[in-house]
Protein backbone atom coordinates (compact mmCIF):
# COMPACT_ATOMS: atom_id res chain seq x y z
CA UNK A 1 47.47 -162.98 -25.92
CA UNK A 2 48.22 -165.17 -28.62
CA UNK A 3 46.67 -164.96 -32.32
CA UNK A 4 45.28 -168.32 -31.91
CA UNK A 5 42.95 -167.21 -28.86
CA UNK A 6 41.72 -164.55 -30.88
CA UNK A 7 40.97 -166.31 -34.37
CA UNK A 8 37.98 -165.66 -36.37
CA UNK A 9 35.48 -168.28 -36.87
CA UNK A 10 33.27 -168.08 -40.15
CA UNK A 11 32.27 -164.96 -41.59
CA UNK A 12 30.32 -163.23 -38.92
CA UNK A 13 30.21 -159.27 -39.07
CA UNK A 14 30.05 -159.54 -35.54
CA UNK A 15 33.31 -161.66 -35.21
CA UNK A 16 34.83 -159.50 -37.37
CA UNK A 17 34.46 -156.17 -35.15
CA UNK A 18 35.34 -158.01 -31.89
CA UNK A 19 38.86 -158.61 -33.87
CA UNK A 20 38.98 -155.33 -35.47
CA UNK A 21 37.94 -153.14 -32.20
CA UNK A 22 39.29 -155.57 -29.22
CA UNK A 23 41.98 -157.28 -27.84
CA UNK A 24 39.56 -159.73 -26.23
CA UNK A 25 38.96 -163.35 -26.65
CA UNK A 26 35.64 -164.83 -27.69
CA UNK A 27 35.27 -165.92 -23.96
CA UNK A 28 36.31 -162.29 -22.53
CA UNK A 29 34.00 -160.81 -24.90
CA UNK A 30 31.11 -163.30 -23.95
CA UNK A 31 31.79 -162.75 -20.29
CA UNK A 32 31.91 -158.77 -20.78
CA UNK A 33 28.66 -158.66 -22.97
CA UNK A 34 27.02 -161.23 -20.21
CA UNK A 35 25.98 -164.26 -22.45
CA UNK A 36 27.08 -167.71 -22.76
CA UNK A 37 29.68 -168.64 -25.15
CA UNK A 38 27.61 -171.14 -26.70
CA UNK A 39 25.07 -168.17 -27.39
CA UNK A 40 27.54 -166.45 -28.88
CA UNK A 41 28.61 -169.45 -31.07
CA UNK A 42 25.09 -169.86 -31.98
CA UNK A 43 24.68 -165.81 -33.02
CA UNK A 44 27.98 -165.88 -35.23
CA UNK A 45 27.39 -169.50 -37.13
CA UNK A 46 24.02 -168.27 -37.90
CA UNK A 47 22.20 -170.79 -35.76
CA UNK A 48 20.00 -168.64 -33.99
CA UNK A 49 18.84 -164.90 -34.33
CA UNK A 50 20.64 -162.94 -31.87
CA UNK A 51 18.32 -161.35 -29.67
CA UNK A 52 20.36 -159.52 -27.14
CA UNK A 53 18.77 -157.65 -24.07
CA UNK A 54 19.11 -153.80 -23.76
CA UNK A 55 21.98 -154.59 -21.21
CA UNK A 56 23.85 -156.77 -23.56
CA UNK A 57 23.38 -154.33 -26.45
CA UNK A 58 24.91 -151.32 -24.31
CA UNK A 59 27.61 -153.73 -23.28
CA UNK A 60 28.62 -154.32 -27.07
CA UNK A 61 28.38 -150.84 -28.06
CA UNK A 62 30.72 -149.75 -25.27
CA UNK A 63 33.11 -152.88 -25.69
CA UNK A 64 33.11 -152.27 -29.84
CA UNK A 65 33.28 -148.55 -29.38
CA UNK A 66 30.21 -148.09 -31.19
CA UNK A 67 28.32 -144.68 -31.09
CA UNK A 68 25.36 -145.23 -33.34
CA UNK A 69 23.05 -148.35 -33.74
CA UNK A 70 23.24 -148.40 -37.20
CA UNK A 71 27.27 -149.27 -36.92
CA UNK A 72 26.06 -152.78 -35.52
CA UNK A 73 25.41 -155.19 -38.24
CA UNK A 74 21.95 -156.10 -39.05
CA UNK A 75 22.74 -160.08 -38.52
CA UNK A 76 25.54 -161.53 -36.56
CA UNK A 77 25.53 -164.68 -38.31
CA UNK A 78 27.72 -165.48 -41.52
CA UNK A 79 27.06 -163.27 -44.69
CA UNK A 80 24.79 -164.87 -47.34
CA UNK A 81 27.17 -165.30 -50.34
CA UNK A 82 25.22 -165.11 -53.67
CA UNK A 83 25.71 -167.78 -56.20
CA UNK A 84 28.07 -165.64 -58.63
CA UNK A 85 30.09 -164.79 -55.39
CA UNK A 86 30.60 -168.77 -55.17
CA UNK A 87 31.41 -169.37 -58.40
CA UNK A 88 34.03 -166.78 -58.75
CA UNK A 89 36.16 -168.38 -55.85
C-alpha cells in the first residue's frame, strides 16, 4: 500500500487515528465501518456532524483498537484553531 493512498486529509482526529492505528486506506476504512466514502469525507471535513449508528461505533472501536469510549474524539471534523494559534504560524 502506497503512502499516497493513506495520506491524511485536513486536521481531523479521526483521520489521525486511522493512520496511526490501521494500515487501511480511506476506502477500506469506510467499507469496514459500513459508511459511504462521501459520508466519511463530510465527517472529517466538518461539513456534517458525525452520527454513527451503534453498529458503526462498534466497528470504529474494533478497527481503531479502542477499548473505552472516551478514546474516541468528541468531534471527527477538523480541529478548531484559536486566533492565537493562527497568528503563531
